[in-house]
PDB file of N, CA and C in Angstrom:
ATOM      1  N   UNK A   1       0.813  -1.197   0.000  1.00  0.00           N
ATOM      2  CA  UNK A   1       0.000   0.000   0.000  1.00  0.00           C
ATOM      3  C   UNK A   1       0.852   1.254   0.000  1.00  0.00           C
ATOM      4  N   UNK A   2       1.979   1.229   0.722  1.00  0.00           N
ATOM      5  CA  UNK A   2       2.829   2.407   0.798  1.00  0.00           C
ATOM      6  C   UNK A   2       3.458   2.737  -0.551  1.00  0.00           C
ATOM      7  N   UNK A   3       3.826   1.703  -1.307  1.00  0.00           N
ATOM      8  CA  UNK A   3       4.429   1.938  -2.613  1.00  0.00           C
ATOM      9  C   UNK A   3       3.436   2.588  -3.567  1.00  0.00           C
ATOM     10  N   UNK A   4       2.185   2.247  -3.467  1.00  0.00           N
ATOM     11  CA  UNK A   4       1.169   2.856  -4.323  1.00  0.00           C
ATOM     12  C   UNK A   4       0.962   4.318  -3.966  1.00  0.00           C
ATOM     13  N   UNK A   5       1.034   4.639  -2.689  1.00  0.00           N
ATOM     14  CA  UNK A   5       0.871   6.037  -2.272  1.00  0.00           C
ATOM     15  C   UNK A   5       2.049   6.888  -2.735  1.00  0.00           C
ATOM     16  N   UNK A   6       3.248   6.320  -2.731  1.00  0.00           N
ATOM     17  CA  UNK A   6       4.412   7.047  -3.220  1.00  0.00           C
ATOM     18  C   UNK A   6       4.257   7.328  -4.709  1.00  0.00           C
ATOM     19  N   UNK A   7       3.816   6.339  -5.450  1.00  0.00           N
ATOM     20  CA  UNK A   7       3.589   6.534  -6.889  1.00  0.00           C
ATOM     21  C   UNK A   7       2.507   7.556  -7.159  1.00  0.00           C
ATOM     22  N   UNK A   8       1.431   7.498  -6.394  1.00  0.00           N
ATOM     23  CA  UNK A   8       0.344   8.458  -6.558  1.00  0.00           C
ATOM     24  C   UNK A   8       0.817   9.870  -6.247  1.00  0.00           C
ATOM     25  N   UNK A   9       1.572  10.026  -5.180  1.00  0.00           N
ATOM     26  CA  UNK A   9       2.094  11.350  -4.824  1.00  0.00           C
ATOM     27  C   UNK A   9       3.041  11.866  -5.894  1.00  0.00           C
ATOM     28  N   UNK A  10       3.862  10.998  -6.452  1.00  0.00           N
ATOM     29  CA  UNK A  10       4.794  11.414  -7.504  1.00  0.00           C
ATOM     30  C   UNK A  10       4.044  11.868  -8.749  1.00  0.00           C
ATOM     31  N   UNK A  11       3.032  11.126  -9.139  1.00  0.00           N
ATOM     32  CA  UNK A  11       2.255  11.497 -10.322  1.00  0.00           C
ATOM     33  C   UNK A  11       1.523  12.815 -10.094  1.00  0.00           C
ATOM     34  N   UNK A  12       0.937  12.989  -8.921  1.00  0.00           N
ATOM     35  CA  UNK A  12       0.229  14.233  -8.624  1.00  0.00           C
ATOM     36  C   UNK A  12       1.181  15.426  -8.626  1.00  0.00           C
ATOM     37  N   UNK A  13       2.370  15.252  -8.090  1.00  0.00           N
ATOM     38  CA  UNK A  13       3.317  16.359  -8.067  1.00  0.00           C
ATOM     39  C   UNK A  13       3.834  16.672  -9.463  1.00  0.00           C
ATOM     40  N   UNK A  14       4.132  15.656 -10.250  1.00  0.00           N
ATOM     41  CA  UNK A  14       4.711  15.898 -11.568  1.00  0.00           C
ATOM     42  C   UNK A  14       3.698  16.461 -12.547  1.00  0.00           C
ATOM     43  N   UNK A  15       2.505  15.908 -12.559  1.00  0.00           N
ATOM     44  CA  UNK A  15       1.530  16.338 -13.544  1.00  0.00           C
ATOM     45  C   UNK A  15       0.576  17.405 -13.020  1.00  0.00           C
ATOM     46  N   UNK A  16       0.570  17.642 -11.734  1.00  0.00           N
ATOM     47  CA  UNK A  16      -0.338  18.640 -11.176  1.00  0.00           C
ATOM     48  C   UNK A  16       0.367  19.836 -10.596  1.00  0.00           C
ATOM     49  N   UNK A  17       1.264  19.593  -9.667  1.00  0.00           N
ATOM     50  CA  UNK A  17       1.882  20.682  -8.934  1.00  0.00           C
ATOM     51  C   UNK A  17       2.867  21.483  -9.773  1.00  0.00           C
ATOM     52  N   UNK A  18       3.698  20.824 -10.550  1.00  0.00           N
ATOM     53  CA  UNK A  18       4.702  21.552 -11.321  1.00  0.00           C
ATOM     54  C   UNK A  18       4.080  22.403 -12.431  1.00  0.00           C
ATOM     55  N   UNK A  19       3.162  21.896 -13.253  1.00  0.00           N
ATOM     56  CA  UNK A  19       2.525  22.771 -14.235  1.00  0.00           C
ATOM     57  C   UNK A  19       1.685  23.878 -13.587  1.00  0.00           C
ATOM     58  N   UNK A  20       1.061  23.572 -12.446  1.00  0.00           N
ATOM     59  CA  UNK A  20       0.297  24.591 -11.739  1.00  0.00           C
ATOM     60  C   UNK A  20       1.215  25.713 -11.262  1.00  0.00           C
ATOM     61  N   UNK A  21       2.373  25.361 -10.748  1.00  0.00           N
ATOM     62  CA  UNK A  21       3.340  26.365 -10.303  1.00  0.00           C
ATOM     63  C   UNK A  21       3.815  27.213 -11.474  1.00  0.00           C
ATOM     64  N   UNK A  22       4.100  26.581 -12.588  1.00  0.00           N
ATOM     65  CA  UNK A  22       4.520  27.334 -13.772  1.00  0.00           C
ATOM     66  C   UNK A  22       3.400  28.268 -14.241  1.00  0.00           C
ATOM     67  N   UNK A  23       2.171  27.792 -14.216  1.00  0.00           N
ATOM     68  CA  UNK A  23       1.043  28.643 -14.599  1.00  0.00           C
ATOM     69  C   UNK A  23       0.874  29.835 -13.681  1.00  0.00           C
ATOM     70  N   UNK A  24       1.073  29.633 -12.387  1.00  0.00           N
ATOM     71  CA  UNK A  24       0.962  30.741 -11.431  1.00  0.00           C
ATOM     72  C   UNK A  24       2.054  31.769 -11.681  1.00  0.00           C
ATOM     73  N   UNK A  25       3.268  31.311 -11.978  1.00  0.00           N
ATOM     74  CA  UNK A  25       4.360  32.246 -12.266  1.00  0.00           C
ATOM     75  C   UNK A  25       4.041  33.065 -13.511  1.00  0.00           C
ATOM     76  N   UNK A  26       3.572  32.411 -14.571  1.00  0.00           N
ATOM     77  CA  UNK A  26       3.223  33.134 -15.795  1.00  0.00           C
ATOM     78  C   UNK A  26       2.067  34.101 -15.554  1.00  0.00           C
ATOM     79  N   UNK A  27       1.106  33.714 -14.716  1.00  0.00           N
ATOM     80  CA  UNK A  27      -0.010  34.595 -14.390  1.00  0.00           C
ATOM     81  C   UNK A  27       0.468  35.827 -13.635  1.00  0.00           C
ATOM     82  N   UNK A  28       1.394  35.655 -12.706  1.00  0.00           N
ATOM     83  CA  UNK A  28       1.925  36.800 -11.964  1.00  0.00           C
ATOM     84  C   UNK A  28       2.664  37.759 -12.888  1.00  0.00           C
ATOM     85  N   UNK A  29       3.401  37.226 -13.852  1.00  0.00           N
ATOM     86  CA  UNK A  29       4.097  38.076 -14.814  1.00  0.00           C
ATOM     87  C   UNK A  29       3.094  38.885 -15.618  1.00  0.00           C
ATOM     88  N   UNK A  30       2.036  38.234 -16.067  1.00  0.00           N
ATOM     89  CA  UNK A  30       1.012  38.921 -16.840  1.00  0.00           C
ATOM     90  C   UNK A  30       0.308  39.980 -15.996  1.00  0.00           C
ATOM     91  N   UNK A  31       0.054  39.681 -14.719  1.00  0.00           N
ATOM     92  CA  UNK A  31      -0.592  40.637 -13.826  1.00  0.00           C
ATOM     93  C   UNK A  31       0.285  41.863 -13.615  1.00  0.00           C
ATOM     94  N   UNK A  32       1.592  41.666 -13.477  1.00  0.00           N
ATOM     95  CA  UNK A  32       2.509  42.802 -13.312  1.00  0.00           C
ATOM     96  C   UNK A  32       2.510  43.683 -14.551  1.00  0.00           C
ATOM     97  N   UNK A  33       2.438  43.092 -15.719  1.00  0.00           N
ATOM     98  CA  UNK A  33       2.387  43.879 -16.953  1.00  0.00           C
ATOM     99  C   UNK A  33       1.098  44.691 -17.011  1.00  0.00           C
ATOM    100  N   UNK A  34      -0.007  44.089 -16.615  1.00  0.00           N
ATOM    101  CA  UNK A  34      -1.274  44.825 -16.632  1.00  0.00           C
ATOM    102  C   UNK A  34      -1.284  45.945 -15.599  1.00  0.00           C
ATOM    103  N   UNK A  35      -0.676  45.722 -14.445  1.00  0.00           N
ATOM    104  CA  UNK A  35      -0.572  46.792 -13.448  1.00  0.00           C
ATOM    105  C   UNK A  35       0.253  47.949 -13.980  1.00  0.00           C
ATOM    106  N   UNK A  36       1.305  47.654 -14.717  1.00  0.00           N
ATOM    107  CA  UNK A  36       2.110  48.718 -15.326  1.00  0.00           C
ATOM    108  C   UNK A  36       1.290  49.492 -16.350  1.00  0.00           C
ATOM    109  N   UNK A  37       0.466  48.810 -17.103  1.00  0.00           N
ATOM    110  CA  UNK A  37      -0.390  49.471 -18.084  1.00  0.00           C
ATOM    111  C   UNK A  37      -1.401  50.383 -17.402  1.00  0.00           C
ATOM    112  N   UNK A  38      -1.993  49.912 -16.310  1.00  0.00           N
ATOM    113  CA  UNK A  38      -2.962  50.723 -15.569  1.00  0.00           C
ATOM    114  C   UNK A  38      -2.289  51.963 -14.988  1.00  0.00           C
ATOM    115  N   UNK A  39      -1.081  51.829 -14.449  1.00  0.00           N
ATOM    116  CA  UNK A  39      -0.368  52.983 -13.907  1.00  0.00           C
ATOM    117  C   UNK A  39      -0.040  54.002 -14.989  1.00  0.00           C
ATOM    118  N   UNK A  40       0.319  53.517 -16.169  1.00  0.00           N
ATOM    119  CA  UNK A  40       0.601  54.444 -17.264  1.00  0.00           C
ATOM    120  C   UNK A  40      -0.642  55.209 -17.677  1.00  0.00           C
ATOM    121  N   UNK A  41      -1.779  54.538 -17.709  1.00  0.00           N
ATOM    122  CA  UNK A  41      -3.031  55.202 -18.073  1.00  0.00           C
ATOM    123  C   UNK A  41      -3.425  56.208 -16.992  1.00  0.00           C
ATOM    124  N   UNK A  42      -3.241  55.856 -15.731  1.00  0.00           N
ATOM    125  CA  UNK A  42      -3.572  56.775 -14.642  1.00  0.00           C
ATOM    126  C   UNK A  42      -2.703  58.019 -14.663  1.00  0.00           C
ATOM    127  N   UNK A  43      -1.472  57.893 -15.119  1.00  0.00           N
ATOM    128  CA  UNK A  43      -0.583  59.042 -15.202  1.00  0.00           C
ATOM    129  C   UNK A  43      -0.876  59.920 -16.412  1.00  0.00           C
ATOM    130  N   UNK A  44      -1.742  59.466 -17.279  1.00  0.00           N
ATOM    131  CA  UNK A  44      -2.128  60.257 -18.438  1.00  0.00           C
ATOM    132  C   UNK A  44      -1.194  60.102 -19.623  1.00  0.00           C
ATOM    133  N   UNK A  45      -0.400  59.067 -19.636  1.00  0.00           N
ATOM    134  CA  UNK A  45       0.527  58.828 -20.733  1.00  0.00           C
ATOM    135  C   UNK A  45      -0.244  58.323 -21.953  1.00  0.00           C
ATOM    136  N   UNK A  46       0.153  58.805 -23.117  1.00  0.00           N
ATOM    137  CA  UNK A  46      -0.459  58.304 -24.344  1.00  0.00           C
ATOM    138  C   UNK A  46       0.169  56.955 -24.683  1.00  0.00           C
ATOM    139  N   UNK A  47      -0.666  56.023 -24.994  1.00  0.00           N
ATOM    140  CA  UNK A  47      -0.206  54.674 -25.293  1.00  0.00           C
ATOM    141  C   UNK A  47      -0.275  54.431 -26.790  1.00  0.00           C
ATOM    142  N   UNK A  48       0.862  54.171 -27.389  1.00  0.00           N
ATOM    143  CA  UNK A  48       0.871  53.846 -28.806  1.00  0.00           C
ATOM    144  C   UNK A  48       0.812  52.325 -28.991  1.00  0.00           C
ATOM    145  N   UNK A  49       0.713  51.902 -30.230  1.00  0.00           N
ATOM    146  CA  UNK A  49       0.542  50.477 -30.517  1.00  0.00           C
ATOM    147  C   UNK A  49       1.761  49.661 -30.104  1.00  0.00           C
ATOM    148  N   UNK A  50       2.948  50.232 -30.252  1.00  0.00           N
ATOM    149  CA  UNK A  50       4.165  49.494 -29.889  1.00  0.00           C
ATOM    150  C   UNK A  50       4.233  49.220 -28.389  1.00  0.00           C
ATOM    151  N   UNK A  51       3.834  50.201 -27.572  1.00  0.00           N
ATOM    152  CA  UNK A  51       3.857  50.016 -26.123  1.00  0.00           C
ATOM    153  C   UNK A  51       2.822  48.974 -25.696  1.00  0.00           C
ATOM    154  N   UNK A  52       1.648  49.013 -26.299  1.00  0.00           N
ATOM    155  CA  UNK A  52       0.631  48.010 -25.977  1.00  0.00           C
ATOM    156  C   UNK A  52       1.079  46.613 -26.387  1.00  0.00           C
ATOM    157  N   UNK A  53       1.736  46.503 -27.521  1.00  0.00           N
ATOM    158  CA  UNK A  53       2.223  45.209 -27.969  1.00  0.00           C
ATOM    159  C   UNK A  53       3.288  44.683 -27.003  1.00  0.00           C
ATOM    160  N   UNK A  54       4.148  45.584 -26.521  1.00  0.00           N
ATOM    161  CA  UNK A  54       5.196  45.175 -25.602  1.00  0.00           C
ATOM    162  C   UNK A  54       4.612  44.700 -24.269  1.00  0.00           C
ATOM    163  N   UNK A  55       3.603  45.398 -23.764  1.00  0.00           N
ATOM    164  CA  UNK A  55       3.032  45.044 -22.469  1.00  0.00           C
ATOM    165  C   UNK A  55       2.125  43.816 -22.533  1.00  0.00           C
ATOM    166  N   UNK A  56       1.488  43.572 -23.649  1.00  0.00           N
ATOM    167  CA  UNK A  56       0.579  42.427 -23.743  1.00  0.00           C
ATOM    168  C   UNK A  56       1.215  41.267 -24.489  1.00  0.00           C
ATOM    169  N   UNK A  57       2.519  41.234 -24.580  1.00  0.00           N
ATOM    170  CA  UNK A  57       3.221  40.218 -25.355  1.00  0.00           C
ATOM    171  C   UNK A  57       3.096  38.823 -24.761  1.00  0.00           C
ATOM    172  N   UNK A  58       2.891  38.692 -23.456  1.00  0.00           N
ATOM    173  CA  UNK A  58       2.910  37.392 -22.806  1.00  0.00           C
ATOM    174  C   UNK A  58       1.763  36.475 -23.167  1.00  0.00           C
ATOM    175  N   UNK A  59       0.596  37.008 -23.488  1.00  0.00           N
ATOM    176  CA  UNK A  59      -0.583  36.161 -23.687  1.00  0.00           C
ATOM    177  C   UNK A  59      -0.584  35.467 -25.040  1.00  0.00           C
ATOM    178  N   UNK A  60      -0.113  36.137 -26.073  1.00  0.00           N
ATOM    179  CA  UNK A  60      -0.237  35.566 -27.407  1.00  0.00           C
ATOM    180  C   UNK A  60       1.105  35.465 -28.108  1.00  0.00           C
ATOM    181  N   UNK A  61       2.132  35.203 -27.385  1.00  0.00           N
ATOM    182  CA  UNK A  61       3.457  35.185 -27.958  1.00  0.00           C
ATOM    183  C   UNK A  61       3.921  33.761 -28.219  1.00  0.00           C
ATOM    184  N   UNK A  62       4.775  33.636 -29.197  1.00  0.00           N
ATOM    185  CA  UNK A  62       5.396  32.339 -29.452  1.00  0.00           C
ATOM    186  C   UNK A  62       6.310  31.956 -28.291  1.00  0.00           C
ATOM    187  N   UNK A  63       6.814  32.943 -27.575  1.00  0.00           N
ATOM    188  CA  UNK A  63       7.687  32.661 -26.435  1.00  0.00           C
ATOM    189  C   UNK A  63       6.936  31.920 -25.331  1.00  0.00           C
ATOM    190  N   UNK A  64       5.673  32.248 -25.149  1.00  0.00           N
ATOM    191  CA  UNK A  64       4.875  31.549 -24.147  1.00  0.00           C
ATOM    192  C   UNK A  64       4.737  30.074 -24.506  1.00  0.00           C
ATOM    193  N   UNK A  65       4.525  29.796 -25.784  1.00  0.00           N
ATOM    194  CA  UNK A  65       4.444  28.402 -26.221  1.00  0.00           C
ATOM    195  C   UNK A  65       5.766  27.682 -25.991  1.00  0.00           C
ATOM    196  N   UNK A  66       6.869  28.370 -26.247  1.00  0.00           N
ATOM    197  CA  UNK A  66       8.170  27.756 -26.020  1.00  0.00           C
ATOM    198  C   UNK A  66       8.413  27.504 -24.536  1.00  0.00           C
ATOM    199  N   UNK A  67       7.951  28.424 -23.681  1.00  0.00           N
ATOM    200  CA  UNK A  67       8.109  28.227 -22.239  1.00  0.00           C
ATOM    201  C   UNK A  67       7.330  26.992 -21.776  1.00  0.00           C
ATOM    202  N   UNK A  68       6.092  26.865 -22.235  1.00  0.00           N
ATOM    203  CA  UNK A  68       5.285  25.708 -21.862  1.00  0.00           C
ATOM    204  C   UNK A  68       5.887  24.425 -22.428  1.00  0.00           C
ATOM    205  N   UNK A  69       6.472  24.524 -23.632  1.00  0.00           N
ATOM    206  CA  UNK A  69       7.134  23.352 -24.212  1.00  0.00           C
ATOM    207  C   UNK A  69       8.290  22.904 -23.329  1.00  0.00           C
ATOM    208  N   UNK A  70       9.067  23.855 -22.846  1.00  0.00           N
ATOM    209  CA  UNK A  70      10.189  23.505 -21.980  1.00  0.00           C
ATOM    210  C   UNK A  70       9.717  22.916 -20.653  1.00  0.00           C
ATOM    211  N   UNK A  71       8.627  23.461 -20.108  1.00  0.00           N
ATOM    212  CA  UNK A  71       8.096  22.929 -18.848  1.00  0.00           C
ATOM    213  C   UNK A  71       7.661  21.478 -19.026  1.00  0.00           C
ATOM    214  N   UNK A  72       6.894  21.201 -20.070  1.00  0.00           N
ATOM    215  CA  UNK A  72       6.398  19.842 -20.272  1.00  0.00           C
ATOM    216  C   UNK A  72       7.517  18.872 -20.630  1.00  0.00           C
ATOM    217  N   UNK A  73       8.493  19.345 -21.415  1.00  0.00           N
ATOM    218  CA  UNK A  73       9.617  18.473 -21.729  1.00  0.00           C
ATOM    219  C   UNK A  73      10.479  18.205 -20.500  1.00  0.00           C
ATOM    220  N   UNK A  74      10.630  19.218 -19.648  1.00  0.00           N
ATOM    221  CA  UNK A  74      11.412  19.035 -18.421  1.00  0.00           C
ATOM    222  C   UNK A  74      10.727  18.065 -17.472  1.00  0.00           C
ATOM    223  N   UNK A  75       9.429  17.960 -17.556  1.00  0.00           N
ATOM    224  CA  UNK A  75       8.705  16.988 -16.741  1.00  0.00           C
ATOM    225  C   UNK A  75       8.726  15.615 -17.410  1.00  0.00           C
ATOM    226  N   UNK A  76       8.446  15.570 -18.692  1.00  0.00           N
ATOM    227  CA  UNK A  76       8.233  14.304 -19.378  1.00  0.00           C
ATOM    228  C   UNK A  76       9.468  13.473 -19.610  1.00  0.00           C
ATOM    229  N   UNK A  77      10.574  14.110 -19.959  1.00  0.00           N
ATOM    230  CA  UNK A  77      11.780  13.339 -20.272  1.00  0.00           C
ATOM    231  C   UNK A  77      12.307  12.593 -19.050  1.00  0.00           C
ATOM    232  N   UNK A  78      12.469  13.245 -17.892  1.00  0.00           N
ATOM    233  CA  UNK A  78      12.935  12.472 -16.724  1.00  0.00           C
ATOM    234  C   UNK A  78      11.940  11.410 -16.251  1.00  0.00           C
ATOM    235  N   UNK A  79      10.646  11.725 -16.350  1.00  0.00           N
ATOM    236  CA  UNK A  79       9.642  10.737 -15.937  1.00  0.00           C
ATOM    237  C   UNK A  79       9.719   9.509 -16.840  1.00  0.00           C
ATOM    238  N   UNK A  80       9.806   9.731 -18.132  1.00  0.00           N
ATOM    239  CA  UNK A  80       9.895   8.616 -19.071  1.00  0.00           C
ATOM    240  C   UNK A  80      11.164   7.810 -18.841  1.00  0.00           C
ATOM    241  N   UNK A  81      12.294   8.505 -18.660  1.00  0.00           N
ATOM    242  CA  UNK A  81      13.555   7.807 -18.429  1.00  0.00           C
ATOM    243  C   UNK A  81      13.520   7.021 -17.112  1.00  0.00           C
ATOM    244  N   UNK A  82      12.924   7.609 -16.084  1.00  0.00           N
ATOM    245  CA  UNK A  82      12.832   6.922 -14.800  1.00  0.00           C
ATOM    246  C   UNK A  82      11.947   5.698 -14.851  1.00  0.00           C
ATOM    247  N   UNK A  83      10.804   5.826 -15.502  1.00  0.00           N
ATOM    248  CA  UNK A  83       9.911   4.670 -15.622  1.00  0.00           C
ATOM    249  C   UNK A  83      10.566   3.580 -16.462  1.00  0.00           C
ATOM    250  N   UNK A  84      11.238   3.985 -17.526  1.00  0.00           N
ATOM    251  CA  UNK A  84      11.907   3.020 -18.400  1.00  0.00           C
ATOM    252  C   UNK A  84      13.006   2.278 -17.641  1.00  0.00           C
ATOM    253  N   UNK A  85      13.759   3.007 -16.817  1.00  0.00           N
ATOM    254  CA  UNK A  85      14.846   2.379 -16.068  1.00  0.00           C
ATOM    255  C   UNK A  85      14.322   1.448 -14.974  1.00  0.00           C
ATOM    256  N   UNK A  86      13.205   1.790 -14.359  1.00  0.00           N
ATOM    257  CA  UNK A  86      12.692   1.001 -13.244  1.00  0.00           C
ATOM    258  C   UNK A  86      11.813  -0.172 -13.687  1.00  0.00           C
ATOM    259  N   UNK A  87      10.914   0.097 -14.637  1.00  0.00           N
ATOM    260  CA  UNK A  87       9.899  -0.904 -14.961  1.00  0.00           C
ATOM    261  C   UNK A  87      10.138  -1.544 -16.329  1.00  0.00           C
ATOM    262  N   UNK A  88      10.413  -0.724 -17.317  1.00  0.00           N
ATOM    263  CA  UNK A  88      10.614  -1.246 -18.661  1.00  0.00           C
ATOM    264  C   UNK A  88       9.940  -0.380 -19.696  1.00  0.00           C
ATOM    265  N   UNK A  89      10.178  -0.716 -20.926  1.00  0.00           N
ATOM    266  CA  UNK A  89       9.696   0.092 -22.036  1.00  0.00           C
ATOM    267  C   UNK A  89       8.174   0.070 -22.164  1.00  0.00           C
ATOM    268  N   UNK A  90       7.549  -1.033 -21.819  1.00  0.00           N
ATOM    269  CA  UNK A  90       6.092  -1.136 -21.951  1.00  0.00           C
ATOM    270  C   UNK A  90       5.347  -0.132 -21.090  1.00  0.00           C
ATOM    271  N   UNK A  91       5.833   0.125 -19.905  1.00  0.00           N
ATOM    272  CA  UNK A  91       5.184   1.080 -19.004  1.00  0.00           C
ATOM    273  C   UNK A  91       5.647   2.510 -19.253  1.00  0.00           C
ATOM    274  N   UNK A  92       6.801   2.684 -19.891  1.00  0.00           N
ATOM    275  CA  UNK A  92       7.357   4.023 -20.110  1.00  0.00           C
ATOM    276  C   UNK A  92       6.570   4.803 -21.146  1.00  0.00           C
ATOM    277  N   UNK A  93       5.702   4.149 -21.860  1.00  0.00           N
ATOM    278  CA  UNK A  93       4.892   4.841 -22.867  1.00  0.00           C
ATOM    279  C   UNK A  93       4.008   5.892 -22.204  1.00  0.00           C
ATOM    280  N   UNK A  94       3.546   5.642 -20.987  1.00  0.00           N
ATOM    281  CA  UNK A  94       2.707   6.617 -20.296  1.00  0.00           C
ATOM    282  C   UNK A  94       3.480   7.887 -19.953  1.00  0.00           C
ATOM    283  N   UNK A  95       4.761   7.788 -19.781  1.00  0.00           N
ATOM    284  CA  UNK A  95       5.581   8.954 -19.511  1.00  0.00           C
ATOM    285  C   UNK A  95       5.773   9.839 -20.722  1.00  0.00           C
ATOM    286  N   UNK A  96       5.448   9.308 -21.893  1.00  0.00           N
ATOM    287  CA  UNK A  96       5.597  10.090 -23.113  1.00  0.00           C
ATOM    288  C   UNK A  96       4.485  11.120 -23.310  1.00  0.00           C
ATOM    289  N   UNK A  97       3.433  11.041 -22.527  1.00  0.00           N
ATOM    290  CA  UNK A  97       2.330  12.003 -22.671  1.00  0.00           C
ATOM    291  C   UNK A  97       2.814  13.432 -22.459  1.00  0.00           C
ATOM    292  N   UNK A  98       3.522  13.762 -21.369  1.00  0.00           N
ATOM    293  CA  UNK A  98       4.012  15.141 -21.248  1.00  0.00           C
ATOM    294  C   UNK A  98       5.085  15.491 -22.276  1.00  0.00           C
ATOM    295  N   UNK A  99       5.831  14.501 -22.742  1.00  0.00           N
ATOM    296  CA  UNK A  99       6.814  14.769 -23.792  1.00  0.00           C
ATOM    297  C   UNK A  99       6.101  15.215 -25.059  1.00  0.00           C
ATOM    298  N   UNK A 100       5.033  14.519 -25.420  1.00  0.00           N
ATOM    299  CA  UNK A 100       4.283  14.887 -26.612  1.00  0.00           C
ATOM    300  C   UNK A 100       3.580  16.240 -26.442  1.00  0.00           C
ATOM    301  N   UNK A 101       3.132  16.544 -25.219  1.00  0.00           N
ATOM    302  CA  UNK A 101       2.577  17.877 -24.972  1.00  0.00           C
ATOM    303  C   UNK A 101       3.644  18.949 -25.192  1.00  0.00           C
ATOM    304  N   UNK A 102       4.852  18.699 -24.723  1.00  0.00           N
ATOM    305  CA  UNK A 102       5.942  19.642 -24.931  1.00  0.00           C
ATOM    306  C   UNK A 102       6.272  19.819 -26.404  1.00  0.00           C
ATOM    307  N   UNK A 103       6.280  18.724 -27.142  1.00  0.00           N
ATOM    308  CA  UNK A 103       6.538  18.809 -28.581  1.00  0.00           C
ATOM    309  C   UNK A 103       5.427  19.584 -29.270  1.00  0.00           C
ATOM    310  N   UNK A 104       4.184  19.364 -28.857  1.00  0.00           N
ATOM    311  CA  UNK A 104       3.054  20.080 -29.452  1.00  0.00           C
ATOM    312  C   UNK A 104       3.154  21.580 -29.179  1.00  0.00           C
ATOM    313  N   UNK A 105       3.510  21.968 -27.949  1.00  0.00           N
ATOM    314  CA  UNK A 105       3.684  23.387 -27.658  1.00  0.00           C
ATOM    315  C   UNK A 105       4.840  23.973 -28.466  1.00  0.00           C
ATOM    316  N   UNK A 106       5.898  23.220 -28.657  1.00  0.00           N
ATOM    317  CA  UNK A 106       7.019  23.697 -29.465  1.00  0.00           C
ATOM    318  C   UNK A 106       6.619  23.920 -30.909  1.00  0.00           C
ATOM    319  N   UNK A 107       5.842  23.003 -31.462  1.00  0.00           N
ATOM    320  CA  UNK A 107       5.364  23.160 -32.833  1.00  0.00           C
ATOM    321  C   UNK A 107       4.419  24.356 -32.932  1.00  0.00           C
ATOM    322  N   UNK A 108       3.540  24.519 -31.936  1.00  0.00           N
ATOM    323  CA  UNK A 108       2.626  25.660 -31.938  1.00  0.00           C
ATOM    324  C   UNK A 108       3.404  26.982 -31.871  1.00  0.00           C
ATOM    325  N   UNK A 109       4.461  27.024 -31.064  1.00  0.00           N
ATOM    326  CA  UNK A 109       5.283  28.223 -30.991  1.00  0.00           C
ATOM    327  C   UNK A 109       5.970  28.515 -32.305  1.00  0.00           C
ATOM    328  N   UNK A 110       6.463  27.481 -32.966  1.00  0.00           N
ATOM    329  CA  UNK A 110       7.116  27.660 -34.265  1.00  0.00           C
ATOM    330  C   UNK A 110       6.126  28.167 -35.310  1.00  0.00           C
ATOM    331  N   UNK A 111       4.913  27.632 -35.315  1.00  0.00           N
ATOM    332  CA  UNK A 111       3.898  28.098 -36.262  1.00  0.00           C
ATOM    333  C   UNK A 111       3.465  29.534 -35.946  1.00  0.00           C
ATOM    334  N   UNK A 112       3.353  29.874 -34.673  1.00  0.00           N
ATOM    335  CA  UNK A 112       2.980  31.224 -34.288  1.00  0.00           C
ATOM    336  C   UNK A 112       4.087  32.220 -34.647  1.00  0.00           C
ATOM    337  N   UNK A 113       5.338  31.802 -34.541  1.00  0.00           N
ATOM    338  CA  UNK A 113       6.469  32.650 -34.930  1.00  0.00           C
ATOM    339  C   UNK A 113       6.449  32.884 -36.421  1.00  0.00           C
ATOM    340  N   UNK A 114       6.091  31.872 -37.164  1.00  0.00           N
ATOM    341  CA  UNK A 114       6.028  32.006 -38.620  1.00  0.00           C
ATOM    342  C   UNK A 114       4.909  32.953 -39.051  1.00  0.00           C
ATOM    343  N   UNK A 115       3.795  32.989 -38.293  1.00  0.00           N
ATOM    344  CA  UNK A 115       2.658  33.854 -38.641  1.00  0.00           C
ATOM    345  C   UNK A 115       2.895  35.309 -38.280  1.00  0.00           C
ATOM    346  N   UNK A 116       3.660  35.575 -37.195  1.00  0.00           N
ATOM    347  CA  UNK A 116       3.812  36.941 -36.723  1.00  0.00           C
ATOM    348  C   UNK A 116       4.650  37.768 -37.695  1.00  0.00           C
ATOM    349  N   UNK A 117       4.291  39.060 -37.850  1.00  0.00           N
ATOM    350  CA  UNK A 117       5.023  39.921 -38.798  1.00  0.00           C
ATOM    351  C   UNK A 117       6.400  40.300 -38.296  1.00  0.00           C
TER     352      UNK A 117
END
């Protein structure tokens, strides 16, 4: 029973806690950018398109996709390697799910970079 709880805790931390932490960090960055925008508006500064693009870059940027790709790959590769080393190749296929998510985010970032002017 104890071994199952260790496995459950590991899966919850890897697939739940780490991406949640990364999401909270990205959310805080976005919130700080919006607070800066609000302060600029309160001061009466004129906002041109370049400044708005710079401040709102985090939500729709190819860099965000690359960051998420790195997060998922950093989770998936060690998990897959660990499962493969401990149990075998048949069970390591489940560890490839976050790897494929990371690859998908990387491809999405590359396509978004290609679309941007």
